[in-house]
């Protein structure tokens, strides 16, 4: 059974930093893209960042460019999201995602709260 497990969420003041981690179990995603989405209160889930498996290329939503960095352990099914200069509007539940063709796998989410 495939599982994605996130960790690293918490409460931080505006301008602070957090690092989220996501580890996959049940199968390897080392050759496939892994990424992060988030759902803010009252909003739909939205894309944050993704990193390729083999090429390691990273893509970001405009609202996190320059503040967030996605990375992964080479050859492993672990992905990270380094979040700096956090803003209150970054408050959300952050979900790890892994995609194989049309199959999407999701973690349970980790809460990030940024206080002003």
C-alpha atoms as a PDB file:
ATOM      1  CA  UNK A   1       0.000   0.000   0.000  1.00  0.00           C
ATOM      2  CA  UNK A   2       1.411   3.370  -0.997  1.00  0.00           C
ATOM      3  CA  UNK A   3       1.668   5.978   1.749  1.00  0.00           C
ATOM      4  CA  UNK A   4       2.990   9.513   1.739  1.00  0.00           C
ATOM      5  CA  UNK A   5       3.834  10.888   5.170  1.00  0.00           C
ATOM      6  CA  UNK A   6       4.394  14.594   5.737  1.00  0.00           C
ATOM      7  CA  UNK A   7       6.086  16.213   8.701  1.00  0.00           C
ATOM      8  CA  UNK A   8       7.501  19.573   9.721  1.00  0.00           C
ATOM      9  CA  UNK A   9       4.408  21.725   9.915  1.00  0.00           C
ATOM     10  CA  UNK A  10       3.761  24.069  12.799  1.00  0.00           C
ATOM     11  CA  UNK A  11       3.191  27.659  13.831  1.00  0.00           C
ATOM     12  CA  UNK A  12       5.657  30.408  13.003  1.00  0.00           C
ATOM     13  CA  UNK A  13       5.663  34.176  12.984  1.00  0.00           C
ATOM     14  CA  UNK A  14       5.583  36.121   9.746  1.00  0.00           C
ATOM     15  CA  UNK A  15       9.055  36.263   8.229  1.00  0.00           C
ATOM     16  CA  UNK A  16      10.008  32.943   9.752  1.00  0.00           C
ATOM     17  CA  UNK A  17      10.904  29.622   8.159  1.00  0.00           C
ATOM     18  CA  UNK A  18       9.754  26.021   8.186  1.00  0.00           C
ATOM     19  CA  UNK A  19      10.916  22.880   6.419  1.00  0.00           C
ATOM     20  CA  UNK A  20       8.411  20.249   5.380  1.00  0.00           C
ATOM     21  CA  UNK A  21       9.371  16.666   4.630  1.00  0.00           C
ATOM     22  CA  UNK A  22       7.502  13.918   2.833  1.00  0.00           C
ATOM     23  CA  UNK A  23       8.518  10.281   2.675  1.00  0.00           C
ATOM     24  CA  UNK A  24       6.833   7.717   0.447  1.00  0.00           C
ATOM     25  CA  UNK A  25       6.518   4.058   1.305  1.00  0.00           C
ATOM     26  CA  UNK A  26       5.016   1.092  -0.465  1.00  0.00           C
ATOM     27  CA  UNK A  27       6.743   1.773  -3.778  1.00  0.00           C
ATOM     28  CA  UNK A  28       9.520   3.869  -5.208  1.00  0.00           C
ATOM     29  CA  UNK A  29       8.865   7.277  -6.700  1.00  0.00           C
ATOM     30  CA  UNK A  30      12.505   8.021  -7.421  1.00  0.00           C
ATOM     31  CA  UNK A  31      11.840   8.312 -11.169  1.00  0.00           C
ATOM     32  CA  UNK A  32       8.600  10.272 -10.849  1.00  0.00           C
ATOM     33  CA  UNK A  33       7.643  13.795  -9.971  1.00  0.00           C
ATOM     34  CA  UNK A  34       6.833  14.655  -6.390  1.00  0.00           C
ATOM     35  CA  UNK A  35       5.457  17.927  -5.181  1.00  0.00           C
ATOM     36  CA  UNK A  36       3.471  20.013  -2.753  1.00  0.00           C
ATOM     37  CA  UNK A  37      -0.015  21.483  -2.820  1.00  0.00           C
ATOM     38  CA  UNK A  38      -1.847  23.463  -0.175  1.00  0.00           C
ATOM     39  CA  UNK A  39      -5.368  24.274   0.877  1.00  0.00           C
ATOM     40  CA  UNK A  40      -5.978  27.557   2.659  1.00  0.00           C
ATOM     41  CA  UNK A  41      -9.149  28.151   4.674  1.00  0.00           C
ATOM     42  CA  UNK A  42     -12.060  28.741   2.323  1.00  0.00           C
ATOM     43  CA  UNK A  43     -10.034  28.002  -0.814  1.00  0.00           C
ATOM     44  CA  UNK A  44      -9.514  25.135  -3.196  1.00  0.00           C
ATOM     45  CA  UNK A  45      -6.346  23.078  -3.050  1.00  0.00           C
ATOM     46  CA  UNK A  46      -3.640  24.767  -5.124  1.00  0.00           C
ATOM     47  CA  UNK A  47      -0.292  23.846  -6.587  1.00  0.00           C
ATOM     48  CA  UNK A  48       2.825  25.031  -4.733  1.00  0.00           C
ATOM     49  CA  UNK A  49       5.870  23.305  -6.218  1.00  0.00           C
ATOM     50  CA  UNK A  50       6.984  20.137  -7.994  1.00  0.00           C
ATOM     51  CA  UNK A  51      10.334  18.495  -8.676  1.00  0.00           C
ATOM     52  CA  UNK A  52      11.014  15.960 -11.397  1.00  0.00           C
ATOM     53  CA  UNK A  53      12.283  12.475 -10.705  1.00  0.00           C
ATOM     54  CA  UNK A  54      14.984  11.824 -13.275  1.00  0.00           C
ATOM     55  CA  UNK A  55      15.700  15.410 -14.342  1.00  0.00           C
ATOM     56  CA  UNK A  56      15.271  17.042 -10.951  1.00  0.00           C
ATOM     57  CA  UNK A  57      13.755  20.155 -12.485  1.00  0.00           C
ATOM     58  CA  UNK A  58      11.717  22.279 -10.133  1.00  0.00           C
ATOM     59  CA  UNK A  59       8.681  24.410 -10.861  1.00  0.00           C
ATOM     60  CA  UNK A  60       6.942  26.821  -8.531  1.00  0.00           C
ATOM     61  CA  UNK A  61       3.708  28.714  -8.206  1.00  0.00           C
ATOM     62  CA  UNK A  62       4.313  32.428  -8.707  1.00  0.00           C
ATOM     63  CA  UNK A  63       3.288  33.251  -5.158  1.00  0.00           C
ATOM     64  CA  UNK A  64       6.173  31.220  -3.661  1.00  0.00           C
ATOM     65  CA  UNK A  65       8.961  31.946  -6.137  1.00  0.00           C
ATOM     66  CA  UNK A  66      12.034  33.249  -4.375  1.00  0.00           C
ATOM     67  CA  UNK A  67      10.736  32.177  -0.952  1.00  0.00           C
ATOM     68  CA  UNK A  68      10.207  28.399  -1.157  1.00  0.00           C
ATOM     69  CA  UNK A  69      12.631  25.741  -2.374  1.00  0.00           C
ATOM     70  CA  UNK A  70      11.674  22.180  -3.245  1.00  0.00           C
ATOM     71  CA  UNK A  71      14.262  19.432  -3.215  1.00  0.00           C
ATOM     72  CA  UNK A  72      14.494  15.671  -3.038  1.00  0.00           C
ATOM     73  CA  UNK A  73      16.994  13.035  -2.055  1.00  0.00           C
ATOM     74  CA  UNK A  74      18.571  11.668  -5.246  1.00  0.00           C
ATOM     75  CA  UNK A  75      17.358   8.168  -5.943  1.00  0.00           C
ATOM     76  CA  UNK A  76      14.945   8.276  -3.031  1.00  0.00           C
ATOM     77  CA  UNK A  77      11.247   8.864  -2.588  1.00  0.00           C
ATOM     78  CA  UNK A  78      11.620  11.778  -0.207  1.00  0.00           C
ATOM     79  CA  UNK A  79      10.806  15.379  -0.980  1.00  0.00           C
ATOM     80  CA  UNK A  80      11.293  18.567   1.025  1.00  0.00           C
ATOM     81  CA  UNK A  81       9.882  22.061   0.976  1.00  0.00           C
ATOM     82  CA  UNK A  82      12.012  24.785   2.518  1.00  0.00           C
ATOM     83  CA  UNK A  83       9.768  27.760   3.248  1.00  0.00           C
ATOM     84  CA  UNK A  84      11.315  31.128   4.036  1.00  0.00           C
ATOM     85  CA  UNK A  85       9.916  34.628   4.489  1.00  0.00           C
ATOM     86  CA  UNK A  86       6.577  33.116   5.419  1.00  0.00           C
ATOM     87  CA  UNK A  87       3.489  35.294   5.239  1.00  0.00           C
ATOM     88  CA  UNK A  88       0.134  34.960   7.007  1.00  0.00           C
ATOM     89  CA  UNK A  89      -1.413  34.094   3.623  1.00  0.00           C
ATOM     90  CA  UNK A  90       0.801  31.006   3.510  1.00  0.00           C
ATOM     91  CA  UNK A  91      -1.332  29.552   6.306  1.00  0.00           C
ATOM     92  CA  UNK A  92      -2.734  26.289   4.953  1.00  0.00           C
ATOM     93  CA  UNK A  93      -2.688  22.540   5.134  1.00  0.00           C
ATOM     94  CA  UNK A  94       0.209  21.401   2.941  1.00  0.00           C
ATOM     95  CA  UNK A  95      -0.125  18.120   1.065  1.00  0.00           C
ATOM     96  CA  UNK A  96       2.574  15.987  -0.459  1.00  0.00           C
ATOM     97  CA  UNK A  97       1.802  14.598  -3.925  1.00  0.00           C
ATOM     98  CA  UNK A  98       3.350  11.958  -6.139  1.00  0.00           C
ATOM     99  CA  UNK A  99       2.184  11.310  -9.668  1.00  0.00           C
ATOM    100  CA  UNK A 100       2.560   8.242 -11.836  1.00  0.00           C
ATOM    101  CA  UNK A 101       0.776   8.681 -15.169  1.00  0.00           C
ATOM    102  CA  UNK A 102      -2.857   9.320 -14.260  1.00  0.00           C
ATOM    103  CA  UNK A 103      -2.500   8.027 -10.714  1.00  0.00           C
ATOM    104  CA  UNK A 104      -2.104  10.643  -8.006  1.00  0.00           C
ATOM    105  CA  UNK A 105      -1.041   9.807  -4.481  1.00  0.00           C
ATOM    106  CA  UNK A 106      -1.559  12.171  -1.541  1.00  0.00           C
ATOM    107  CA  UNK A 107      -0.365  12.509   2.011  1.00  0.00           C
ATOM    108  CA  UNK A 108      -2.667  13.314   4.896  1.00  0.00           C
ATOM    109  CA  UNK A 109      -1.474  16.910   5.092  1.00  0.00           C
ATOM    110  CA  UNK A 110       0.429  18.962   7.616  1.00  0.00           C
ATOM    111  CA  UNK A 111      -0.792  22.261   9.049  1.00  0.00           C
ATOM    112  CA  UNK A 112       1.286  25.405   8.606  1.00  0.00           C
ATOM    113  CA  UNK A 113       0.135  28.482  10.484  1.00  0.00           C
ATOM    114  CA  UNK A 114       1.837  31.853  10.054  1.00  0.00           C
ATOM    115  CA  UNK A 115       0.943  34.503  12.601  1.00  0.00           C
ATOM    116  CA  UNK A 116       1.223  38.209  11.909  1.00  0.00           C
END
